[in-house]
Amino acid sequence: MSAKQLPAIEEHIGIAPKELEEADLAAAMQDLGIPDEEISGGAVEA
């Protein structure tokens, strides 16, 4: 997931990705067809 994909995730679920549990983020990424890879761009911190 890249920093460019973060707004799409937030728009899809209505919550900022950094506020999500890992399972919820993974589900949103799957819904949007975003590959489950290491997060790049440093935009999301656990």
C-alpha atoms as a PDB file:
ATOM      1  CA  MET A   1       0.000   0.000   0.000  1.00  0.00           C
ATOM      2  CA  SER A   2       1.323   3.387  -0.895  1.00  0.00           C
ATOM      3  CA  ALA A   3       0.575   6.812   0.488  1.00  0.00           C
ATOM      4  CA  LYS A   4      -1.491   7.448  -2.658  1.00  0.00           C
ATOM      5  CA  GLN A   5      -3.864   4.627  -1.668  1.00  0.00           C
ATOM      6  CA  LEU A   6      -4.604   5.961   1.819  1.00  0.00           C
ATOM      7  CA  PRO A   7      -7.345   8.395   0.712  1.00  0.00           C
ATOM      8  CA  ALA A   8      -9.128   5.607  -1.196  1.00  0.00           C
ATOM      9  CA  ILE A   9      -9.170   3.449   1.922  1.00  0.00           C
ATOM     10  CA  GLU A  10     -10.450   6.302   4.076  1.00  0.00           C
ATOM     11  CA  GLU A  11     -13.151   7.132   1.536  1.00  0.00           C
ATOM     12  CA  HIS A  12     -14.179   3.467   1.296  1.00  0.00           C
ATOM     13  CA  ILE A  13     -14.617   2.925   5.033  1.00  0.00           C
ATOM     14  CA  GLY A  14     -14.965   6.433   6.423  1.00  0.00           C
ATOM     15  CA  ILE A  15     -12.087   6.056   8.895  1.00  0.00           C
ATOM     16  CA  ALA A  16      -8.445   7.022   8.517  1.00  0.00           C
ATOM     17  CA  PRO A  17      -6.299   3.902   7.929  1.00  0.00           C
ATOM     18  CA  LYS A  18      -4.089   4.734  10.918  1.00  0.00           C
ATOM     19  CA  GLU A  19      -7.175   4.453  13.166  1.00  0.00           C
ATOM     20  CA  LEU A  20      -8.049   0.917  12.016  1.00  0.00           C
ATOM     21  CA  GLU A  21      -7.280  -2.422  13.541  1.00  0.00           C
ATOM     22  CA  GLU A  22      -4.975  -4.481  11.322  1.00  0.00           C
ATOM     23  CA  ALA A  23      -7.763  -6.907  10.323  1.00  0.00           C
ATOM     24  CA  ASP A  24     -10.090  -4.053   9.328  1.00  0.00           C
ATOM     25  CA  LEU A  25      -7.359  -2.410   7.269  1.00  0.00           C
ATOM     26  CA  ALA A  26      -6.599  -5.715   5.543  1.00  0.00           C
ATOM     27  CA  ALA A  27     -10.297  -6.186   4.724  1.00  0.00           C
ATOM     28  CA  ALA A  28     -10.573  -2.675   3.274  1.00  0.00           C
ATOM     29  CA  MET A  29      -7.441  -3.228   1.207  1.00  0.00           C
ATOM     30  CA  GLN A  30      -8.881  -6.488  -0.121  1.00  0.00           C
ATOM     31  CA  ASP A  31     -12.193  -4.797  -0.986  1.00  0.00           C
ATOM     32  CA  LEU A  32     -10.300  -2.158  -2.973  1.00  0.00           C
ATOM     33  CA  GLY A  33      -7.937  -4.638  -4.642  1.00  0.00           C
ATOM     34  CA  ILE A  34      -4.839  -3.194  -2.951  1.00  0.00           C
ATOM     35  CA  PRO A  35      -2.078  -5.808  -2.642  1.00  0.00           C
ATOM     36  CA  ASP A  36      -1.300  -6.929   0.906  1.00  0.00           C
ATOM     37  CA  GLU A  37       2.308  -5.764   1.003  1.00  0.00           C
ATOM     38  CA  GLU A  38       4.474  -3.740   3.327  1.00  0.00           C
ATOM     39  CA  ILE A  39       3.195  -0.205   3.718  1.00  0.00           C
ATOM     40  CA  SER A  40       5.377   2.202   1.773  1.00  0.00           C
ATOM     41  CA  GLY A  41       5.816   5.934   1.982  1.00  0.00           C
ATOM     42  CA  GLY A  42       5.869   6.082   5.764  1.00  0.00           C
ATOM     43  CA  ALA A  43       2.388   7.594   5.825  1.00  0.00           C
ATOM     44  CA  VAL A  44       0.927   5.070   8.280  1.00  0.00           C
ATOM     45  CA  GLU A  45       2.541   4.270  11.573  1.00  0.00           C
ATOM     46  CA  ALA A  46       1.348   1.579  13.959  1.00  0.00           C
END
